[in-house]
Every structure is written in C-alpha cells, then in structure tokens.
Amino acid sequence: MRALVACFALAGGALPAAAQTVADFYRGNTIKMIIRTGPGGTYDLYSRLLGKHMAARVPGNPAFVNVYMPAGGGIVAANYMATQAPRDGSVMTMVGIGLPLDQALGLNPSLKIDLRELNWLGSVSSSNQVTVAWYKSPITSLDAARRVEGRLGSTGAGSISQQFPSFYNAFLGTKFRVVLGYTGSPAINLAIERGELDGGGSNGWAQYQIETPRFARDKLIVPIIQAGRRKEPDLPDVPLLLDLAKNDDERAAFAFMTNLAELGRPVATTPGVPADRLAALREAFDATMKDPDFIADVRRQGGDVRPESGDSLAAVVRGMIEAPEDLRARVKAAISSGQ
C-alpha cells in the first residue's frame, strides 16, 4: 500500500508539468518585449501598441513588459534573443530589418544570431525605405547628391541607415558620408533640424510621418530616393531604386536590397519555443493585426497597419541569407565601402 501511494504521489507531482496548457504557462506570467531602439521611434511605438493589444489575445493574458536595448543598430537586441533569452515563448522582439542583410553578407562579426532560427510571428507594417535631405541642404535631389557630399545620420554599422546610403554610393555614384552612433531616428531627426546633418541615411516613409509628421507635412525633408516594390502613393516623383538599374547585375542587386523594405517591422520570438505556445503567439499576433482598436490606435499615432505573415518573413530572410554567393559578394563590397 505504501508503495502504491508513493507511485500516485510521484505521478501527481509530475502531472502538472506534463499537462501544462498554454494558458497555464502564461497566466500570471509576463512577456518581455525587447525594443532595439530608445523610446520615441517607430520600433518603440509599434512594439508598445502591439503588446498593449496582443496581451488579451494570448491565452492566460500575460502582461507585456518593454525592455529597451538601444545599441549596435539592433545587434545587441538580436544577440540577446539568441544567447540569453529563455526559449519558452516569454520574450519577443521587433527585429532590426538591416540584420538579415548583415548576416547574409557577414558584415559584422559581433552578430551572433542565425536569423533563420528565430520564430517569426509576422510584420506589423511596411513602407518604402527613404533617404531624405533637410530642405536647406545642398543634396535635395539624386543628381545633387552625386555632386556634393552630404552627411547622413545612422544608428550604426549593420543598420539600414548605414547600409542603404553606402549601397547608393557604390551603385549610384552618390557622395553620402554616413555619420554613425545615433541612438535612434529621433536623435537623428533632431541633429538634422539643428544642422548637424544634411539628412537621414534611411527610414521607412511611414516612420517620418509618425515620429516627425511636420517634417513631411511642411516639406522640411526632401526624399531623395526610395526603395520598395513600388512607389509610395504620396511620393510619385521620387526615384524608385528598382527603376534605376541599368543591367541585369544591378537589377539583381537592387532587388536584393529592396527585400529590406518588404520586412517592415518584423516581430519574432526565440528559437526553441514549444509548438503549442508558438501557435498561440502567431494566432494572437494575426488576430491583433485585424483588431479595429489596434488599427485605430496605430493610426491615431500617424502610422498604418500593413501586416505580413510569419511564413512570409521567414521566406524573405532565408532567401537573403541563402542568395547566390556572387550576388552577395557584389552587395557586400558596396555596403562595406561605407563602414
């Protein structure tokens, strides 16, 4: 009898862990939202609004807690996901969209993560990547940027704000001088307004409309070039990178870079998350993208919701990292010229 009781006790002690549901795991728990920039930018805005509305859709209703890791153009946050964050579905992040390019080209040895191993939930929004100049700057057109050196702000090597202008210098003959080390786009925008910079290296067009709406509204910034599959509706006269290719090699390189704009604001959790929790997070993310309250909340801040699925993001990331070696070599030579 004592042996039988002992067996039941052992079974009873093991049962809750084995039969723990997704709701059991998240109930009373928290999800850390790792934000790769400081407060005030669109990574911050979209991350906070996503957590606010997504919490009620995750089984068990966990609280979302924002944790800022603004360094290295998003590399510090990404490395945290790979090397330190628990692999249990309790950590999410909005990945810097320059990092797939960084990994594909092997640009920065400090990047420790293999982005193909992340579990992608989806992208909140995407808009064309735009390089802009302050209206008083001498580089307010692509032709002018080919003649005159312009100082463009960037968060760091490995960020799109460094990668795009360096790419343009190599392929389009511009004379951008990339100034590294800003904590995020709000700091870059302030430096532009003070006259310390001629413009911004690259940002989503929607990002300017959210963070500094008067810049766009009052035409204080002049878009020089945009990268995306098609032109932004309100930028019909700004050259599109894909339209500037003069041969097949350039078309392939320009299409490779355009993938970054397609990623938008991509959200992922760590590798190794149990399948049921990952499915629940993806379902909660997709439902949030359709939530009228979430969409209204984003639009009140000047943003928009243009979601992409996690599967779509995974395909773009894998396609870039596994692109033909000769294509990656050409792009790497261009990007590295500005580091």
Protein backbone atom coordinates (compact mmCIF):
# COMPACT_ATOMS: atom_id res chain seq x y z
CA MET A 1 0.00 0.00 0.00
CA ARG A 2 2.79 2.43 0.89
CA ALA A 3 4.44 1.68 -2.44
CA LEU A 4 1.15 2.30 -4.28
CA VAL A 5 0.63 5.63 -2.51
CA ALA A 6 4.18 6.61 -3.35
CA CYS A 7 3.55 5.87 -7.02
CA PHE A 8 0.42 8.04 -7.05
CA ALA A 9 2.32 10.84 -5.31
CA LEU A 10 5.07 10.71 -7.88
CA ALA A 11 2.58 10.68 -10.71
CA GLY A 12 0.65 13.53 -9.16
CA GLY A 13 3.80 15.59 -8.81
CA ALA A 14 4.74 15.05 -12.45
CA LEU A 15 1.29 15.59 -13.92
CA PRO A 16 1.04 19.41 -13.87
CA ALA A 17 4.31 19.93 -15.77
CA ALA A 18 3.41 17.34 -18.40
CA ALA A 19 -0.14 18.57 -18.87
CA GLN A 20 0.55 22.31 -18.60
CA THR A 21 -1.52 24.20 -21.14
CA VAL A 22 -0.53 27.39 -22.95
CA ALA A 23 -2.90 29.34 -20.70
CA ASP A 24 -1.35 27.73 -17.61
CA PHE A 25 2.11 28.85 -18.70
CA TYR A 26 1.17 32.46 -19.45
CA ARG A 27 -1.29 33.04 -16.61
CA GLY A 28 0.38 35.35 -14.08
CA ASN A 29 3.49 35.45 -16.29
CA THR A 30 4.99 38.26 -18.38
CA ILE A 31 6.22 38.56 -21.95
CA LYS A 32 9.28 40.75 -22.38
CA MET A 33 9.15 42.93 -25.48
CA ILE A 34 12.75 43.72 -26.39
CA ILE A 35 12.94 47.09 -28.17
CA ARG A 36 16.07 47.64 -30.23
CA THR A 37 15.96 51.44 -30.03
CA GLY A 38 15.42 54.01 -27.31
CA PRO A 39 11.98 55.45 -26.57
CA GLY A 40 10.26 57.56 -29.18
CA GLY A 41 10.82 55.82 -32.51
CA THR A 42 8.52 53.60 -34.53
CA TYR A 43 10.13 50.43 -33.19
CA ASP A 44 9.12 51.68 -29.76
CA LEU A 45 5.66 52.81 -30.86
CA TYR A 46 4.71 49.65 -32.73
CA SER A 47 6.18 47.40 -30.01
CA ARG A 48 4.25 49.12 -27.21
CA LEU A 49 0.96 49.18 -29.10
CA LEU A 50 1.39 45.56 -30.16
CA GLY A 51 1.95 44.46 -26.56
CA LYS A 52 -0.96 46.55 -25.32
CA HIS A 53 -3.46 44.92 -27.68
CA MET A 54 -1.94 41.47 -28.08
CA ALA A 55 -1.89 40.70 -24.33
CA ALA A 56 -5.62 40.00 -24.21
CA ARG A 57 -5.35 37.58 -27.14
CA VAL A 58 -2.61 35.36 -25.70
CA PRO A 59 -4.11 32.52 -23.61
CA GLY A 60 -3.66 33.32 -19.92
CA ASN A 61 -3.45 37.07 -20.64
CA PRO A 62 0.20 37.70 -19.72
CA ALA A 63 1.40 41.25 -19.12
CA PHE A 64 3.80 42.72 -21.69
CA VAL A 65 6.87 44.47 -20.29
CA ASN A 66 9.03 46.71 -22.50
CA VAL A 67 12.81 46.33 -22.24
CA TYR A 68 14.99 48.77 -24.19
CA MET A 69 18.27 47.63 -25.75
CA PRO A 70 19.30 50.56 -27.97
CA ALA A 71 22.76 49.69 -29.23
CA GLY A 72 24.61 48.34 -32.24
CA GLY A 73 21.93 49.02 -34.83
CA GLY A 74 19.77 46.28 -33.29
CA ILE A 75 22.58 43.71 -32.95
CA VAL A 76 22.58 43.78 -29.14
CA ALA A 77 18.85 43.02 -29.00
CA ALA A 78 19.16 40.26 -31.61
CA ASN A 79 22.10 38.65 -29.84
CA TYR A 80 20.12 38.67 -26.59
CA MET A 81 17.41 36.67 -28.33
CA ALA A 82 19.97 34.11 -29.48
CA THR A 83 22.20 33.74 -26.46
CA GLN A 84 20.39 34.82 -23.28
CA ALA A 85 16.62 34.97 -23.67
CA PRO A 86 14.63 31.97 -22.40
CA ARG A 87 13.38 29.79 -25.24
CA ASP A 88 9.91 29.36 -23.83
CA GLY A 89 7.78 31.99 -25.57
CA SER A 90 8.22 34.62 -22.85
CA VAL A 91 10.35 37.00 -24.98
CA MET A 92 9.56 38.80 -28.23
CA THR A 93 11.28 41.50 -30.24
CA MET A 94 10.87 43.65 -33.32
CA VAL A 95 13.99 42.81 -35.29
CA GLY A 96 16.09 45.48 -36.98
CA ILE A 97 15.45 44.98 -40.68
CA GLY A 98 19.09 45.55 -41.59
CA LEU A 99 20.18 42.41 -39.76
CA PRO A 100 19.22 39.82 -42.41
CA LEU A 101 21.47 41.72 -44.80
CA ASP A 102 24.18 41.86 -42.15
CA GLN A 103 24.06 38.08 -41.70
CA ALA A 104 23.78 37.37 -45.43
CA LEU A 105 26.94 39.35 -46.15
CA GLY A 106 28.88 38.57 -42.97
CA LEU A 107 29.37 42.27 -42.31
CA ASN A 108 29.63 42.34 -38.55
CA PRO A 109 31.33 39.58 -36.54
CA SER A 110 29.51 40.73 -33.40
CA LEU A 111 26.22 39.42 -34.82
CA LYS A 112 25.88 36.02 -33.11
CA ILE A 113 22.36 35.03 -34.11
CA ASP A 114 21.25 32.97 -37.09
CA LEU A 115 18.06 34.79 -38.02
CA ARG A 116 16.74 31.71 -39.81
CA GLU A 117 16.34 30.10 -36.39
CA LEU A 118 14.05 32.79 -35.00
CA ASN A 119 10.34 32.01 -34.85
CA TRP A 120 8.77 34.77 -36.92
CA LEU A 121 5.29 35.91 -35.89
CA GLY A 122 4.68 38.49 -38.61
CA SER A 123 5.26 42.09 -39.61
CA VAL A 124 3.08 44.93 -38.34
CA SER A 125 3.66 47.35 -41.18
CA SER A 126 5.94 48.06 -44.09
CA SER A 127 6.72 51.17 -46.09
CA ASN A 128 9.39 52.16 -48.57
CA GLN A 129 12.84 52.92 -47.24
CA VAL A 130 13.57 56.57 -47.97
CA THR A 131 16.79 58.56 -47.83
CA VAL A 132 15.96 62.20 -47.15
CA ALA A 133 17.67 65.59 -47.03
CA TRP A 134 16.80 68.65 -44.98
CA TYR A 135 15.17 71.25 -47.23
CA LYS A 136 18.09 73.68 -46.72
CA SER A 137 20.68 71.05 -47.60
CA PRO A 138 22.57 71.15 -50.91
CA ILE A 139 21.65 67.49 -51.64
CA THR A 140 17.90 67.71 -52.19
CA SER A 141 17.96 65.56 -55.36
CA LEU A 142 19.72 62.42 -56.51
CA ASP A 143 21.73 64.41 -59.06
CA ALA A 144 22.81 66.87 -56.38
CA ALA A 145 23.81 64.00 -54.07
CA ARG A 146 26.09 62.76 -56.85
CA ARG A 147 27.89 66.12 -56.98
CA VAL A 148 28.00 67.27 -53.35
CA GLU A 149 28.95 65.37 -50.18
CA GLY A 150 26.09 65.07 -47.70
CA ARG A 151 26.26 63.95 -44.06
CA LEU A 152 23.60 61.36 -43.25
CA GLY A 153 22.83 60.11 -39.75
CA SER A 154 22.87 56.42 -38.80
CA THR A 155 22.48 54.34 -35.66
CA GLY A 156 25.45 52.17 -36.55
CA ALA A 157 27.07 49.70 -38.94
CA GLY A 158 24.59 46.92 -39.56
CA SER A 159 21.58 49.23 -39.58
CA ILE A 160 19.73 50.12 -42.75
CA SER A 161 20.56 53.79 -42.14
CA GLN A 162 24.19 52.84 -42.87
CA GLN A 163 23.59 50.11 -45.42
CA PHE A 164 21.40 51.95 -47.92
CA PRO A 165 23.49 55.13 -48.34
CA SER A 166 26.69 53.05 -48.62
CA PHE A 167 24.98 50.93 -51.27
CA TYR A 168 23.89 54.05 -53.14
CA ASN A 169 27.42 55.43 -53.08
CA ALA A 170 28.73 52.28 -54.73
CA PHE A 171 25.97 51.70 -57.29
CA LEU A 172 24.52 55.15 -57.97
CA GLY A 173 27.59 57.37 -57.52
CA THR A 174 26.27 59.42 -54.62
CA LYS A 175 28.65 61.07 -52.16
CA PHE A 176 26.92 60.36 -48.87
CA ARG A 177 29.08 60.45 -45.76
CA VAL A 178 27.46 58.25 -43.12
CA VAL A 179 27.77 59.52 -39.53
CA LEU A 180 27.36 56.61 -37.12
CA GLY A 181 26.45 56.36 -33.44
CA TYR A 182 22.99 57.94 -33.03
CA THR A 183 20.69 56.15 -30.59
CA GLY A 184 17.73 56.12 -32.94
CA SER A 185 15.77 58.08 -35.52
CA PRO A 186 14.54 60.72 -33.01
CA ALA A 187 18.18 61.64 -32.27
CA ILE A 188 18.97 61.70 -36.00
CA ASN A 189 15.96 63.89 -36.73
CA LEU A 190 17.00 66.35 -34.02
CA ALA A 191 20.52 66.51 -35.44
CA ILE A 192 19.08 67.17 -38.92
CA GLU A 193 16.95 70.02 -37.62
CA ARG A 194 19.94 71.53 -35.79
CA GLY A 195 22.01 71.49 -38.97
CA GLU A 196 24.47 68.86 -37.73
CA LEU A 197 23.40 66.52 -40.52
CA ASP A 198 22.20 67.02 -44.08
CA GLY A 199 19.71 64.18 -43.81
CA GLY A 200 18.86 60.66 -42.69
CA GLY A 201 20.54 57.53 -44.04
CA SER A 202 17.34 55.54 -44.45
CA ASN A 203 13.99 55.23 -42.73
CA GLY A 204 10.56 53.93 -43.54
CA TRP A 205 8.46 56.72 -45.07
CA ALA A 206 5.73 55.91 -42.56
CA GLN A 207 8.30 56.38 -39.80
CA TYR A 208 8.77 60.03 -40.69
CA GLN A 209 5.01 60.51 -40.74
CA ILE A 210 4.75 59.05 -37.22
CA GLU A 211 7.81 60.46 -35.48
CA THR A 212 8.05 63.88 -37.09
CA PRO A 213 4.83 64.46 -39.04
CA ARG A 214 5.58 68.14 -39.54
CA PHE A 215 8.78 67.20 -41.41
CA ALA A 216 6.72 65.52 -44.12
CA ARG A 217 3.65 67.77 -43.88
CA ASP A 218 5.59 71.04 -44.10
CA LYS A 219 8.11 69.65 -46.63
CA LEU A 220 11.03 70.19 -44.26
CA ILE A 221 12.58 66.99 -45.56
CA VAL A 222 13.03 66.14 -49.23
CA PRO A 223 13.03 62.45 -50.18
CA ILE A 224 15.98 61.73 -52.49
CA ILE A 225 15.40 58.06 -53.31
CA GLN A 226 13.01 55.31 -52.20
CA ALA A 227 13.43 51.52 -52.06
CA GLY A 228 10.40 49.27 -52.29
CA ARG A 229 8.44 47.14 -54.75
CA ARG A 230 6.52 50.19 -55.95
CA LYS A 231 6.50 53.91 -55.23
CA GLU A 232 4.73 55.28 -52.18
CA PRO A 233 1.45 56.88 -53.33
CA ASP A 234 2.45 60.29 -51.99
CA LEU A 235 6.00 60.11 -53.44
CA PRO A 236 5.28 59.68 -57.17
CA ASP A 237 8.21 61.85 -58.29
CA VAL A 238 10.87 60.33 -56.04
CA PRO A 239 13.11 57.86 -57.92
CA LEU A 240 12.50 54.19 -57.10
CA LEU A 241 15.67 52.12 -56.72
CA LEU A 242 14.36 49.28 -58.89
CA ASP A 243 13.76 51.72 -61.76
CA LEU A 244 17.39 52.88 -61.76
CA ALA A 245 19.00 49.55 -62.73
CA LYS A 246 20.96 49.71 -65.99
CA ASN A 247 21.73 45.99 -66.40
CA ASP A 248 20.86 42.54 -65.05
CA ASP A 249 23.54 42.62 -62.36
CA GLU A 250 22.20 45.90 -60.99
CA ARG A 251 18.61 44.65 -61.18
CA ALA A 252 19.54 41.63 -59.07
CA ALA A 253 21.43 43.74 -56.51
CA PHE A 254 18.67 46.34 -56.30
CA ALA A 255 16.01 43.65 -55.84
CA PHE A 256 18.15 42.09 -53.07
CA MET A 257 18.25 45.40 -51.19
CA THR A 258 14.54 46.01 -51.76
CA ASN A 259 13.82 42.92 -49.65
CA LEU A 260 14.65 45.00 -46.58
CA ALA A 261 11.71 47.31 -47.23
CA GLU A 262 9.44 44.28 -47.53
CA LEU A 263 10.29 43.18 -43.97
CA GLY A 264 8.73 46.29 -42.49
CA ARG A 265 8.51 45.97 -38.71
CA PRO A 266 9.11 42.22 -38.22
CA VAL A 267 8.28 40.54 -34.92
CA ALA A 268 9.83 37.28 -33.69
CA THR A 269 10.26 35.14 -30.65
CA THR A 270 13.25 32.97 -29.77
CA PRO A 271 14.22 29.65 -31.30
CA GLY A 272 13.07 26.53 -29.50
CA VAL A 273 9.65 27.73 -28.34
CA PRO A 274 7.24 24.80 -27.76
CA ALA A 275 4.97 24.32 -30.76
CA ASP A 276 1.70 24.98 -28.91
CA ARG A 277 2.95 28.29 -27.47
CA LEU A 278 4.33 29.38 -30.84
CA ALA A 279 1.00 28.62 -32.49
CA ALA A 280 -0.80 30.62 -29.80
CA LEU A 281 1.53 33.62 -30.25
CA ARG A 282 1.09 33.57 -34.02
CA GLU A 283 -2.68 33.33 -33.67
CA ALA A 284 -2.69 36.21 -31.19
CA PHE A 285 -0.48 38.31 -33.50
CA ASP A 286 -2.68 37.67 -36.55
CA ALA A 287 -5.83 38.49 -34.58
CA THR A 288 -4.28 41.73 -33.31
CA MET A 289 -3.49 42.81 -36.88
CA LYS A 290 -7.23 42.61 -37.63
CA ASP A 291 -8.34 44.26 -34.39
CA PRO A 292 -10.12 47.58 -35.16
CA ASP A 293 -8.99 49.02 -31.82
CA PHE A 294 -5.34 48.23 -32.56
CA ILE A 295 -5.58 49.66 -36.07
CA ALA A 296 -7.26 52.81 -34.77
CA ASP A 297 -4.64 53.17 -32.04
CA VAL A 298 -1.82 52.95 -34.59
CA ARG A 299 -3.49 55.42 -36.95
CA ARG A 300 -4.01 57.92 -34.15
CA GLN A 301 -0.22 57.94 -33.85
CA GLY A 302 0.14 58.60 -37.58
CA GLY A 303 1.03 55.02 -38.53
CA ASP A 304 -0.60 52.30 -40.55
CA VAL A 305 -1.06 48.55 -40.34
CA ARG A 306 0.11 46.58 -43.38
CA PRO A 307 0.75 43.09 -41.97
CA GLU A 308 2.77 40.23 -43.40
CA SER A 309 2.66 36.66 -42.15
CA GLY A 310 5.42 34.97 -40.20
CA ASP A 311 5.87 32.44 -43.02
CA SER A 312 6.39 35.28 -45.50
CA LEU A 313 9.04 36.88 -43.31
CA ALA A 314 10.84 33.58 -42.84
CA ALA A 315 10.97 33.12 -46.62
CA VAL A 316 12.41 36.62 -47.21
CA VAL A 317 15.05 36.18 -44.50
CA ARG A 318 16.09 32.74 -45.75
CA GLY A 319 16.14 33.97 -49.36
CA MET A 320 18.54 36.78 -48.49
CA ILE A 321 20.88 34.69 -46.37
CA GLU A 322 20.97 31.89 -48.94
CA ALA A 323 21.16 34.12 -52.05
CA PRO A 324 23.79 33.27 -54.71
CA GLU A 325 27.30 33.88 -53.46
CA ASP A 326 28.32 36.17 -56.32
CA LEU A 327 25.30 38.42 -55.71
CA ARG A 328 26.07 38.63 -52.00
CA ALA A 329 29.71 39.44 -52.79
CA ARG A 330 28.73 42.39 -55.01
CA VAL A 331 26.38 43.81 -52.43
CA LYS A 332 28.90 43.25 -49.64
CA ALA A 333 31.56 45.22 -51.46
CA ALA A 334 29.12 48.10 -51.80
CA ILE A 335 27.92 48.05 -48.20
CA SER A 336 31.40 47.63 -46.73
CA SER A 337 32.65 50.70 -48.52
CA GLY A 338 30.67 52.83 -46.05
CA GLN A 339 31.72 51.12 -42.82
